[in-house]
């Protein structure tokens, strides 16, 4: 029983101390509002016309996993908690000059 308490305590502490990217700092915890808030934050950070290389560099520096593709890309960051996981996703399209022409973001919750 003592080992269980120690292991459980370590899990609680580590799940609360995950380093989160500044891009998601301070977002609401309300599931109904966080999606819209994150989307707005991403659009403000990377407005149409932003160079794709800047977007990719910042996201990688914040530990997002980035997937490049022709005419755009996507990125995500997963937060794992004890009973739930949260995925912060970003997708964008670019023109031939590698400038952002559209960008959007979403938050998906998955719980046991």
PDB file of N, CA and C in Angstrom:
ATOM      1  N   UNK A   1       0.821  -1.194   0.000  1.00  0.00           N
ATOM      2  CA  UNK A   1       0.000   0.000   0.000  1.00  0.00           C
ATOM      3  C   UNK A   1       0.869   1.264   0.000  1.00  0.00           C
ATOM      4  N   UNK A   2       1.970   1.218   0.763  1.00  0.00           N
ATOM      5  CA  UNK A   2       2.864   2.371   0.829  1.00  0.00           C
ATOM      6  C   UNK A   2       3.451   2.685  -0.543  1.00  0.00           C
ATOM      7  N   UNK A   3       3.849   1.644  -1.295  1.00  0.00           N
ATOM      8  CA  UNK A   3       4.391   1.850  -2.648  1.00  0.00           C
ATOM      9  C   UNK A   3       3.350   2.463  -3.570  1.00  0.00           C
ATOM     10  N   UNK A   4       2.114   2.025  -3.429  1.00  0.00           N
ATOM     11  CA  UNK A   4       1.032   2.575  -4.255  1.00  0.00           C
ATOM     12  C   UNK A   4       0.888   4.070  -4.006  1.00  0.00           C
ATOM     13  N   UNK A   5       0.911   4.470  -2.741  1.00  0.00           N
ATOM     14  CA  UNK A   5       0.768   5.890  -2.389  1.00  0.00           C
ATOM     15  C   UNK A   5       1.927   6.702  -2.966  1.00  0.00           C
ATOM     16  N   UNK A   6       3.123   6.178  -2.887  1.00  0.00           N
ATOM     17  CA  UNK A   6       4.290   6.879  -3.426  1.00  0.00           C
ATOM     18  C   UNK A   6       4.171   7.028  -4.944  1.00  0.00           C
ATOM     19  N   UNK A   7       3.848   5.945  -5.612  1.00  0.00           N
ATOM     20  CA  UNK A   7       3.717   5.993  -7.078  1.00  0.00           C
ATOM     21  C   UNK A   7       2.593   6.933  -7.478  1.00  0.00           C
ATOM     22  N   UNK A   8       1.462   6.853  -6.806  1.00  0.00           N
ATOM     23  CA  UNK A   8       0.335   7.717  -7.128  1.00  0.00           C
ATOM     24  C   UNK A   8       0.710   9.187  -6.915  1.00  0.00           C
ATOM     25  N   UNK A   9       1.425   9.476  -5.843  1.00  0.00           N
ATOM     26  CA  UNK A   9       1.859  10.854  -5.568  1.00  0.00           C
ATOM     27  C   UNK A   9       2.785  11.374  -6.659  1.00  0.00           C
ATOM     28  N   UNK A  10       3.703  10.542  -7.111  1.00  0.00           N
ATOM     29  CA  UNK A  10       4.615  10.935  -8.190  1.00  0.00           C
ATOM     30  C   UNK A  10       3.827  11.222  -9.461  1.00  0.00           C
ATOM     31  N   UNK A  11       2.851  10.401  -9.778  1.00  0.00           N
ATOM     32  CA  UNK A  11       2.021  10.630 -10.965  1.00  0.00           C
ATOM     33  C   UNK A  11       1.266  11.951 -10.867  1.00  0.00           C
ATOM     34  N   UNK A  12       0.704  12.241  -9.720  1.00  0.00           N
ATOM     35  CA  UNK A  12      -0.022  13.498  -9.531  1.00  0.00           C
ATOM     36  C   UNK A  12       0.914  14.685  -9.726  1.00  0.00           C
ATOM     37  N   UNK A  13       2.062  14.639  -9.101  1.00  0.00           N
ATOM     38  CA  UNK A  13       3.013  15.746  -9.182  1.00  0.00           C
ATOM     39  C   UNK A  13       3.502  15.940 -10.613  1.00  0.00           C
ATOM     40  N   UNK A  14       3.878  14.865 -11.286  1.00  0.00           N
ATOM     41  CA  UNK A  14       4.404  15.012 -12.644  1.00  0.00           C
ATOM     42  C   UNK A  14       3.329  15.428 -13.629  1.00  0.00           C
ATOM     43  N   UNK A  15       2.091  15.020 -13.434  1.00  0.00           N
ATOM     44  CA  UNK A  15       1.039  15.421 -14.365  1.00  0.00           C
ATOM     45  C   UNK A  15       0.720  16.897 -14.227  1.00  0.00           C
ATOM     46  N   UNK A  16       1.001  17.475 -13.096  1.00  0.00           N
ATOM     47  CA  UNK A  16       0.724  18.891 -12.874  1.00  0.00           C
ATOM     48  C   UNK A  16       1.898  19.785 -13.254  1.00  0.00           C
ATOM     49  N   UNK A  17       3.071  19.214 -13.437  1.00  0.00           N
ATOM     50  CA  UNK A  17       4.248  20.033 -13.702  1.00  0.00           C
ATOM     51  C   UNK A  17       4.735  19.927 -15.142  1.00  0.00           C
ATOM     52  N   UNK A  18       3.912  19.440 -16.042  1.00  0.00           N
ATOM     53  CA  UNK A  18       4.279  19.359 -17.445  1.00  0.00           C
ATOM     54  C   UNK A  18       4.520  20.771 -17.972  1.00  0.00           C
ATOM     55  N   UNK A  19       5.618  20.945 -18.656  1.00  0.00           N
ATOM     56  CA  UNK A  19       5.905  22.248 -19.247  1.00  0.00           C
ATOM     57  C   UNK A  19       5.002  22.423 -20.461  1.00  0.00           C
ATOM     58  N   UNK A  20       4.211  23.456 -20.405  1.00  0.00           N
ATOM     59  CA  UNK A  20       3.276  23.733 -21.493  1.00  0.00           C
ATOM     60  C   UNK A  20       3.796  24.898 -22.333  1.00  0.00           C
ATOM     61  N   UNK A  21       3.527  24.861 -23.626  1.00  0.00           N
ATOM     62  CA  UNK A  21       3.989  25.951 -24.500  1.00  0.00           C
ATOM     63  C   UNK A  21       3.332  27.281 -24.125  1.00  0.00           C
ATOM     64  N   UNK A  22       4.069  28.371 -24.221  1.00  0.00           N
ATOM     65  CA  UNK A  22       3.475  29.683 -23.944  1.00  0.00           C
ATOM     66  C   UNK A  22       2.220  29.957 -24.774  1.00  0.00           C
ATOM     67  N   UNK A  23       2.128  29.369 -25.956  1.00  0.00           N
ATOM     68  CA  UNK A  23       0.962  29.586 -26.808  1.00  0.00           C
ATOM     69  C   UNK A  23      -0.332  29.104 -26.151  1.00  0.00           C
ATOM     70  N   UNK A  24      -0.247  28.174 -25.207  1.00  0.00           N
ATOM     71  CA  UNK A  24      -1.464  27.693 -24.545  1.00  0.00           C
ATOM     72  C   UNK A  24      -1.591  28.189 -23.098  1.00  0.00           C
ATOM     73  N   UNK A  25      -0.608  28.956 -22.635  1.00  0.00           N
ATOM     74  CA  UNK A  25      -0.669  29.488 -21.266  1.00  0.00           C
ATOM     75  C   UNK A  25      -1.903  30.361 -21.090  1.00  0.00           C
ATOM     76  N   UNK A  26      -2.574  30.205 -19.979  1.00  0.00           N
ATOM     77  CA  UNK A  26      -3.671  31.096 -19.610  1.00  0.00           C
ATOM     78  C   UNK A  26      -4.978  30.871 -20.338  1.00  0.00           C
ATOM     79  N   UNK A  27      -5.064  29.842 -21.155  1.00  0.00           N
ATOM     80  CA  UNK A  27      -6.336  29.565 -21.817  1.00  0.00           C
ATOM     81  C   UNK A  27      -7.373  29.133 -20.783  1.00  0.00           C
ATOM     82  N   UNK A  28      -8.611  29.429 -21.062  1.00  0.00           N
ATOM     83  CA  UNK A  28      -9.697  29.039 -20.167  1.00  0.00           C
ATOM     84  C   UNK A  28      -9.726  27.520 -19.990  1.00  0.00           C
ATOM     85  N   UNK A  29     -10.253  27.080 -18.875  1.00  0.00           N
ATOM     86  CA  UNK A  29     -10.414  25.645 -18.631  1.00  0.00           C
ATOM     87  C   UNK A  29     -11.825  25.179 -18.988  1.00  0.00           C
ATOM     88  N   UNK A  30     -12.632  26.098 -19.484  1.00  0.00           N
ATOM     89  CA  UNK A  30     -13.997  25.749 -19.878  1.00  0.00           C
ATOM     90  C   UNK A  30     -13.962  25.102 -21.263  1.00  0.00           C
ATOM     91  N   UNK A  31     -14.363  23.850 -21.310  1.00  0.00           N
ATOM     92  CA  UNK A  31     -14.304  23.085 -22.557  1.00  0.00           C
ATOM     93  C   UNK A  31     -15.082  23.783 -23.673  1.00  0.00           C
ATOM     94  N   UNK A  32     -16.209  24.378 -23.344  1.00  0.00           N
ATOM     95  CA  UNK A  32     -17.053  25.011 -24.362  1.00  0.00           C
ATOM     96  C   UNK A  32     -16.410  26.262 -24.965  1.00  0.00           C
ATOM     97  N   UNK A  33     -15.445  26.872 -24.259  1.00  0.00           N
ATOM     98  CA  UNK A  33     -14.864  28.135 -24.722  1.00  0.00           C
ATOM     99  C   UNK A  33     -13.421  28.035 -25.188  1.00  0.00           C
ATOM    100  N   UNK A  34     -12.702  26.994 -24.758  1.00  0.00           N
ATOM    101  CA  UNK A  34     -11.270  26.935 -25.012  1.00  0.00           C
ATOM    102  C   UNK A  34     -10.936  26.807 -26.502  1.00  0.00           C
ATOM    103  N   UNK A  35     -11.762  26.098 -27.239  1.00  0.00           N
ATOM    104  CA  UNK A  35     -11.521  25.904 -28.672  1.00  0.00           C
ATOM    105  C   UNK A  35     -11.497  27.252 -29.397  1.00  0.00           C
ATOM    106  N   UNK A  36     -12.504  28.059 -29.167  1.00  0.00           N
ATOM    107  CA  UNK A  36     -12.609  29.365 -29.815  1.00  0.00           C
ATOM    108  C   UNK A  36     -11.482  30.295 -29.354  1.00  0.00           C
ATOM    109  N   UNK A  37     -11.164  30.237 -28.073  1.00  0.00           N
ATOM    110  CA  UNK A  37     -10.105  31.088 -27.527  1.00  0.00           C
ATOM    111  C   UNK A  37      -8.736  30.735 -28.118  1.00  0.00           C
ATOM    112  N   UNK A  38      -8.450  29.440 -28.238  1.00  0.00           N
ATOM    113  CA  UNK A  38      -7.175  29.010 -28.816  1.00  0.00           C
ATOM    114  C   UNK A  38      -7.096  29.393 -30.288  1.00  0.00           C
ATOM    115  N   UNK A  39      -8.181  29.202 -31.017  1.00  0.00           N
ATOM    116  CA  UNK A  39      -8.212  29.570 -32.437  1.00  0.00           C
ATOM    117  C   UNK A  39      -7.920  31.059 -32.610  1.00  0.00           C
ATOM    118  N   UNK A  40      -8.544  31.886 -31.804  1.00  0.00           N
ATOM    119  CA  UNK A  40      -8.327  33.333 -31.888  1.00  0.00           C
ATOM    120  C   UNK A  40      -6.883  33.689 -31.556  1.00  0.00           C
ATOM    121  N   UNK A  41      -6.336  33.050 -30.532  1.00  0.00           N
ATOM    122  CA  UNK A  41      -4.950  33.318 -30.136  1.00  0.00           C
ATOM    123  C   UNK A  41      -3.978  32.969 -31.264  1.00  0.00           C
ATOM    124  N   UNK A  42      -4.186  31.826 -31.908  1.00  0.00           N
ATOM    125  CA  UNK A  42      -3.316  31.403 -33.011  1.00  0.00           C
ATOM    126  C   UNK A  42      -3.424  32.370 -34.186  1.00  0.00           C
ATOM    127  N   UNK A  43      -4.642  32.803 -34.504  1.00  0.00           N
ATOM    128  CA  UNK A  43      -4.830  33.741 -35.622  1.00  0.00           C
ATOM    129  C   UNK A  43      -4.198  35.095 -35.326  1.00  0.00           C
ATOM    130  N   UNK A  44      -4.189  35.508 -34.062  1.00  0.00           N
ATOM    131  CA  UNK A  44      -3.531  36.762 -33.697  1.00  0.00           C
ATOM    132  C   UNK A  44      -2.008  36.623 -33.740  1.00  0.00           C
ATOM    133  N   UNK A  45      -1.509  35.471 -33.328  1.00  0.00           N
ATOM    134  CA  UNK A  45      -0.058  35.235 -33.300  1.00  0.00           C
ATOM    135  C   UNK A  45       0.508  35.070 -34.714  1.00  0.00           C
ATOM    136  N   UNK A  46      -0.258  34.412 -35.583  1.00  0.00           N
ATOM    137  CA  UNK A  46       0.182  34.127 -36.952  1.00  0.00           C
ATOM    138  C   UNK A  46      -0.854  34.641 -37.954  1.00  0.00           C
ATOM    139  N   UNK A  47      -0.942  35.947 -38.135  1.00  0.00           N
ATOM    140  CA  UNK A  47      -1.935  36.473 -39.071  1.00  0.00           C
ATOM    141  C   UNK A  47      -1.631  36.077 -40.519  1.00  0.00           C
ATOM    142  N   UNK A  48      -2.645  36.156 -41.349  1.00  0.00           N
ATOM    143  CA  UNK A  48      -2.471  35.900 -42.780  1.00  0.00           C
ATOM    144  C   UNK A  48      -1.316  36.758 -43.278  1.00  0.00           C
ATOM    145  N   UNK A  49      -0.427  36.148 -44.062  1.00  0.00           N
ATOM    146  CA  UNK A  49       0.749  36.841 -44.580  1.00  0.00           C
ATOM    147  C   UNK A  49       2.034  36.499 -43.832  1.00  0.00           C
ATOM    148  N   UNK A  50       1.899  35.822 -42.666  1.00  0.00           N
ATOM    149  CA  UNK A  50       3.082  35.414 -41.908  1.00  0.00           C
ATOM    150  C   UNK A  50       3.867  34.376 -42.697  1.00  0.00           C
ATOM    151  N   UNK A  51       5.175  34.459 -42.655  1.00  0.00           N
ATOM    152  CA  UNK A  51       6.029  33.484 -43.324  1.00  0.00           C
ATOM    153  C   UNK A  51       5.909  32.133 -42.615  1.00  0.00           C
ATOM    154  N   UNK A  52       5.687  31.080 -43.366  1.00  0.00           N
ATOM    155  CA  UNK A  52       5.509  29.747 -42.794  1.00  0.00           C
ATOM    156  C   UNK A  52       6.719  29.308 -41.966  1.00  0.00           C
ATOM    157  N   UNK A  53       7.914  29.671 -42.392  1.00  0.00           N
ATOM    158  CA  UNK A  53       9.112  29.284 -41.637  1.00  0.00           C
ATOM    159  C   UNK A  53       9.084  29.839 -40.215  1.00  0.00           C
ATOM    160  N   UNK A  54       8.541  31.051 -40.040  1.00  0.00           N
ATOM    161  CA  UNK A  54       8.419  31.637 -38.708  1.00  0.00           C
ATOM    162  C   UNK A  54       7.442  30.835 -37.850  1.00  0.00           C
ATOM    163  N   UNK A  55       6.337  30.420 -38.456  1.00  0.00           N
ATOM    164  CA  UNK A  55       5.326  29.631 -37.745  1.00  0.00           C
ATOM    165  C   UNK A  55       5.943  28.313 -37.283  1.00  0.00           C
ATOM    166  N   UNK A  56       6.595  27.636 -38.193  1.00  0.00           N
ATOM    167  CA  UNK A  56       7.192  26.331 -37.878  1.00  0.00           C
ATOM    168  C   UNK A  56       8.268  26.468 -36.799  1.00  0.00           C
ATOM    169  N   UNK A  57       9.113  27.476 -36.923  1.00  0.00           N
ATOM    170  CA  UNK A  57      10.183  27.670 -35.944  1.00  0.00           C
ATOM    171  C   UNK A  57       9.623  27.898 -34.545  1.00  0.00           C
ATOM    172  N   UNK A  58       8.628  28.791 -34.425  1.00  0.00           N
ATOM    173  CA  UNK A  58       8.068  29.074 -33.113  1.00  0.00           C
ATOM    174  C   UNK A  58       7.378  27.842 -32.529  1.00  0.00           C
ATOM    175  N   UNK A  59       6.613  27.136 -33.360  1.00  0.00           N
ATOM    176  CA  UNK A  59       5.914  25.954 -32.858  1.00  0.00           C
ATOM    177  C   UNK A  59       6.886  24.865 -32.415  1.00  0.00           C
ATOM    178  N   UNK A  60       7.933  24.643 -33.185  1.00  0.00           N
ATOM    179  CA  UNK A  60       8.933  23.641 -32.788  1.00  0.00           C
ATOM    180  C   UNK A  60       9.640  24.067 -31.498  1.00  0.00           C
ATOM    181  N   UNK A  61       9.941  25.351 -31.360  1.00  0.00           N
ATOM    182  CA  UNK A  61      10.582  25.847 -30.145  1.00  0.00           C
ATOM    183  C   UNK A  61       9.689  25.670 -28.918  1.00  0.00           C
ATOM    184  N   UNK A  62       8.379  25.593 -29.140  1.00  0.00           N
ATOM    185  CA  UNK A  62       7.438  25.392 -28.050  1.00  0.00           C
ATOM    186  C   UNK A  62       7.015  23.920 -27.935  1.00  0.00           C
ATOM    187  N   UNK A  63       7.763  23.041 -28.559  1.00  0.00           N
ATOM    188  CA  UNK A  63       7.583  21.586 -28.467  1.00  0.00           C
ATOM    189  C   UNK A  63       6.309  21.053 -29.123  1.00  0.00           C
ATOM    190  N   UNK A  64       5.749  21.802 -30.063  1.00  0.00           N
ATOM    191  CA  UNK A  64       4.674  21.255 -30.891  1.00  0.00           C
ATOM    192  C   UNK A  64       5.313  20.280 -31.874  1.00  0.00           C
ATOM    193  N   UNK A  65       4.602  19.238 -32.212  1.00  0.00           N
ATOM    194  CA  UNK A  65       5.044  18.316 -33.263  1.00  0.00           C
ATOM    195  C   UNK A  65       4.493  18.870 -34.570  1.00  0.00           C
ATOM    196  N   UNK A  66       5.386  19.140 -35.509  1.00  0.00           N
ATOM    197  CA  UNK A  66       5.013  19.806 -36.761  1.00  0.00           C
ATOM    198  C   UNK A  66       5.084  18.823 -37.915  1.00  0.00           C
ATOM    199  N   UNK A  67       4.062  18.874 -38.767  1.00  0.00           N
ATOM    200  CA  UNK A  67       4.026  18.072 -39.989  1.00  0.00           C
ATOM    201  C   UNK A  67       3.934  19.037 -41.167  1.00  0.00           C
ATOM    202  N   UNK A  68       4.990  19.059 -41.960  1.00  0.00           N
ATOM    203  CA  UNK A  68       5.000  19.902 -43.163  1.00  0.00           C
ATOM    204  C   UNK A  68       4.327  19.161 -44.301  1.00  0.00           C
ATOM    205  N   UNK A  69       3.656  19.903 -45.149  1.00  0.00           N
ATOM    206  CA  UNK A  69       3.122  19.336 -46.381  1.00  0.00           C
ATOM    207  C   UNK A  69       3.097  20.439 -47.422  1.00  0.00           C
ATOM    208  N   UNK A  70       2.914  20.048 -48.646  1.00  0.00           N
ATOM    209  CA  UNK A  70       2.877  21.035 -49.714  1.00  0.00           C
ATOM    210  C   UNK A  70       1.692  21.967 -49.503  1.00  0.00           C
ATOM    211  N   UNK A  71       1.907  23.248 -49.609  1.00  0.00           N
ATOM    212  CA  UNK A  71       0.877  24.277 -49.456  1.00  0.00           C
ATOM    213  C   UNK A  71       0.319  24.369 -48.042  1.00  0.00           C
ATOM    214  N   UNK A  72       1.140  24.058 -47.032  1.00  0.00           N
ATOM    215  CA  UNK A  72       0.664  24.222 -45.660  1.00  0.00           C
ATOM    216  C   UNK A  72       1.278  23.222 -44.715  1.00  0.00           C
ATOM    217  N   UNK A  73       0.627  23.083 -43.580  1.00  0.00           N
ATOM    218  CA  UNK A  73       1.130  22.143 -42.595  1.00  0.00           C
ATOM    219  C   UNK A  73       0.204  22.061 -41.408  1.00  0.00           C
ATOM    220  N   UNK A  74       0.643  21.318 -40.415  1.00  0.00           N
ATOM    221  CA  UNK A  74      -0.130  21.184 -39.192  1.00  0.00           C
ATOM    222  C   UNK A  74       0.824  20.931 -38.032  1.00  0.00           C
ATOM    223  N   UNK A  75       0.317  21.147 -36.840  1.00  0.00           N
ATOM    224  CA  UNK A  75       1.112  20.927 -35.642  1.00  0.00           C
ATOM    225  C   UNK A  75       0.175  20.579 -34.496  1.00  0.00           C
ATOM    226  N   UNK A  76       0.727  19.869 -33.507  1.00  0.00           N
ATOM    227  CA  UNK A  76      -0.087  19.562 -32.333  1.00  0.00           C
ATOM    228  C   UNK A  76       0.794  19.432 -31.101  1.00  0.00           C
ATOM    229  N   UNK A  77       0.165  19.649 -29.961  1.00  0.00           N
ATOM    230  CA  UNK A  77       0.819  19.452 -28.668  1.00  0.00           C
ATOM    231  C   UNK A  77      -0.160  18.718 -27.777  1.00  0.00           C
ATOM    232  N   UNK A  78       0.283  17.619 -27.183  1.00  0.00           N
ATOM    233  CA  UNK A  78      -0.575  16.814 -26.321  1.00  0.00           C
ATOM    234  C   UNK A  78      -0.240  17.046 -24.860  1.00  0.00           C
ATOM    235  N   UNK A  79      -1.265  17.216 -24.064  1.00  0.00           N
ATOM    236  CA  UNK A  79      -1.129  17.292 -22.617  1.00  0.00           C
ATOM    237  C   UNK A  79      -1.805  16.048 -22.060  1.00  0.00           C
ATOM    238  N   UNK A  80      -1.019  15.221 -21.403  1.00  0.00           N
ATOM    239  CA  UNK A  80      -1.546  13.995 -20.820  1.00  0.00           C
ATOM    240  C   UNK A  80      -1.774  14.217 -19.335  1.00  0.00           C
ATOM    241  N   UNK A  81      -2.982  13.902 -18.888  1.00  0.00           N
ATOM    242  CA  UNK A  81      -3.302  13.980 -17.476  1.00  0.00           C
ATOM    243  C   UNK A  81      -3.716  12.594 -17.004  1.00  0.00           C
ATOM    244  N   UNK A  82      -4.034  12.460 -15.752  1.00  0.00           N
ATOM    245  CA  UNK A  82      -4.317  11.140 -15.196  1.00  0.00           C
ATOM    246  C   UNK A  82      -5.436  10.430 -15.947  1.00  0.00           C
ATOM    247  N   UNK A  83      -6.579  11.063 -16.111  1.00  0.00           N
ATOM    248  CA  UNK A  83      -7.715  10.398 -16.759  1.00  0.00           C
ATOM    249  C   UNK A  83      -8.053  11.000 -18.117  1.00  0.00           C
ATOM    250  N   UNK A  84      -7.380  12.066 -18.493  1.00  0.00           N
ATOM    251  CA  UNK A  84      -7.725  12.758 -19.738  1.00  0.00           C
ATOM    252  C   UNK A  84      -6.471  13.153 -20.518  1.00  0.00           C
ATOM    253  N   UNK A  85      -6.675  13.382 -21.794  1.00  0.00           N
ATOM    254  CA  UNK A  85      -5.625  13.986 -22.613  1.00  0.00           C
ATOM    255  C   UNK A  85      -6.247  15.145 -23.382  1.00  0.00           C
ATOM    256  N   UNK A  86      -5.426  16.133 -23.652  1.00  0.00           N
ATOM    257  CA  UNK A  86      -5.879  17.311 -24.392  1.00  0.00           C
ATOM    258  C   UNK A  86      -4.915  17.506 -25.548  1.00  0.00           C
ATOM    259  N   UNK A  87      -5.457  17.643 -26.755  1.00  0.00           N
ATOM    260  CA  UNK A  87      -4.636  17.906 -27.935  1.00  0.00           C
ATOM    261  C   UNK A  87      -4.941  19.306 -28.451  1.00  0.00           C
ATOM    262  N   UNK A  88      -3.884  20.107 -28.544  1.00  0.00           N
ATOM    263  CA  UNK A  88      -3.967  21.439 -29.128  1.00  0.00           C
ATOM    264  C   UNK A  88      -3.453  21.314 -30.561  1.00  0.00           C
ATOM    265  N   UNK A  89      -4.323  21.553 -31.536  1.00  0.00           N
ATOM    266  CA  UNK A  89      -3.981  21.363 -32.950  1.00  0.00           C
ATOM    267  C   UNK A  89      -4.035  22.678 -33.713  1.00  0.00           C
ATOM    268  N   UNK A  90      -3.112  22.811 -34.658  1.00  0.00           N
ATOM    269  CA  UNK A  90      -3.065  23.987 -35.532  1.00  0.00           C
ATOM    270  C   UNK A  90      -2.875  23.494 -36.960  1.00  0.00           C
ATOM    271  N   UNK A  91      -3.608  24.067 -37.884  1.00  0.00           N
ATOM    272  CA  UNK A  91      -3.450  23.736 -39.301  1.00  0.00           C
ATOM    273  C   UNK A  91      -3.411  25.013 -40.120  1.00  0.00           C
ATOM    274  N   UNK A  92      -2.654  24.999 -41.207  1.00  0.00           N
ATOM    275  CA  UNK A  92      -2.550  26.196 -42.039  1.00  0.00           C
ATOM    276  C   UNK A  92      -2.339  25.826 -43.498  1.00  0.00           C
ATOM    277  N   UNK A  93      -2.628  26.803 -44.352  1.00  0.00           N
ATOM    278  CA  UNK A  93      -2.391  26.702 -45.796  1.00  0.00           C
ATOM    279  C   UNK A  93      -1.508  27.875 -46.195  1.00  0.00           C
ATOM    280  N   UNK A  94      -0.676  27.638 -47.204  1.00  0.00           N
ATOM    281  CA  UNK A  94       0.235  28.676 -47.674  1.00  0.00           C
ATOM    282  C   UNK A  94       0.075  28.889 -49.176  1.00  0.00           C
ATOM    283  N   UNK A  95       0.596  30.013 -49.646  1.00  0.00           N
ATOM    284  CA  UNK A  95       0.650  30.255 -51.082  1.00  0.00           C
ATOM    285  C   UNK A  95       2.014  29.818 -51.611  1.00  0.00           C
ATOM    286  N   UNK A  96       2.277  30.090 -52.869  1.00  0.00           N
ATOM    287  CA  UNK A  96       3.535  29.640 -53.483  1.00  0.00           C
ATOM    288  C   UNK A  96       4.763  30.316 -52.867  1.00  0.00           C
ATOM    289  N   UNK A  97       4.549  31.458 -52.197  1.00  0.00           N
ATOM    290  CA  UNK A  97       5.649  32.176 -51.551  1.00  0.00           C
ATOM    291  C   UNK A  97       5.838  31.758 -50.090  1.00  0.00           C
ATOM    292  N   UNK A  98       5.145  30.685 -49.670  1.00  0.00           N
ATOM    293  CA  UNK A  98       5.227  30.159 -48.300  1.00  0.00           C
ATOM    294  C   UNK A  98       4.701  31.139 -47.262  1.00  0.00           C
ATOM    295  N   UNK A  99       3.718  31.954 -47.657  1.00  0.00           N
ATOM    296  CA  UNK A  99       3.046  32.867 -46.736  1.00  0.00           C
ATOM    297  C   UNK A  99       1.709  32.241 -46.328  1.00  0.00           C
ATOM    298  N   UNK A 100       1.332  32.417 -45.071  1.00  0.00           N
ATOM    299  CA  UNK A 100       0.079  31.868 -44.562  1.00  0.00           C
ATOM    300  C   UNK A 100      -1.095  32.565 -45.258  1.00  0.00           C
ATOM    301  N   UNK A 101      -2.010  31.766 -45.821  1.00  0.00           N
ATOM    302  CA  UNK A 101      -3.228  32.316 -46.413  1.00  0.00           C
ATOM    303  C   UNK A 101      -4.454  31.976 -45.553  1.00  0.00           C
ATOM    304  N   UNK A 102      -4.355  30.942 -44.745  1.00  0.00           N
ATOM    305  CA  UNK A 102      -5.403  30.628 -43.770  1.00  0.00           C
ATOM    306  C   UNK A 102      -4.781  29.792 -42.655  1.00  0.00           C
ATOM    307  N   UNK A 103      -5.319  29.973 -41.453  1.00  0.00           N
ATOM    308  CA  UNK A 103      -4.816  29.236 -40.300  1.00  0.00           C
ATOM    309  C   UNK A 103      -5.957  29.063 -39.315  1.00  0.00           C
ATOM    310  N   UNK A 104      -5.950  27.964 -38.606  1.00  0.00           N
ATOM    311  CA  UNK A 104      -6.979  27.710 -37.607  1.00  0.00           C
ATOM    312  C   UNK A 104      -6.453  26.767 -36.553  1.00  0.00           C
ATOM    313  N   UNK A 105      -7.130  26.738 -35.426  1.00  0.00           N
ATOM    314  CA  UNK A 105      -6.690  25.897 -34.320  1.00  0.00           C
ATOM    315  C   UNK A 105      -7.891  25.301 -33.605  1.00  0.00           C
ATOM    316  N   UNK A 106      -7.664  24.190 -32.938  1.00  0.00           N
ATOM    317  CA  UNK A 106      -8.730  23.538 -32.176  1.00  0.00           C
ATOM    318  C   UNK A 106      -8.143  22.834 -30.967  1.00  0.00           C
ATOM    319  N   UNK A 107      -9.009  22.522 -30.020  1.00  0.00           N
ATOM    320  CA  UNK A 107      -8.624  21.797 -28.813  1.00  0.00           C
ATOM    321  C   UNK A 107      -9.557  20.601 -28.687  1.00  0.00           C
ATOM    322  N   UNK A 108      -8.982  19.435 -28.529  1.00  0.00           N
ATOM    323  CA  UNK A 108      -9.772  18.206 -28.380  1.00  0.00           C
ATOM    324  C   UNK A 108      -9.453  17.545 -27.050  1.00  0.00           C
ATOM    325  N   UNK A 109     -10.502  17.229 -26.293  1.00  0.00           N
ATOM    326  CA  UNK A 109     -10.381  16.555 -25.004  1.00  0.00           C
ATOM    327  C   UNK A 109     -10.788  15.103 -25.159  1.00  0.00           C
ATOM    328  N   UNK A 110     -10.052  14.237 -24.511  1.00  0.00           N
ATOM    329  CA  UNK A 110     -10.385  12.816 -24.512  1.00  0.00           C
ATOM    330  C   UNK A 110     -10.184  12.284 -23.091  1.00  0.00           C
ATOM    331  N   UNK A 111     -11.270  11.776 -22.506  1.00  0.00           N
ATOM    332  CA  UNK A 111     -11.194  11.277 -21.134  1.00  0.00           C
ATOM    333  C   UNK A 111     -11.685   9.841 -21.055  1.00  0.00           C
ATOM    334  N   UNK A 112     -11.165   9.129 -20.081  1.00  0.00           N
ATOM    335  CA  UNK A 112     -11.575   7.747 -19.856  1.00  0.00           C
ATOM    336  C   UNK A 112     -12.974   7.675 -19.304  1.00  0.00           C
TER     337      UNK A 112
END
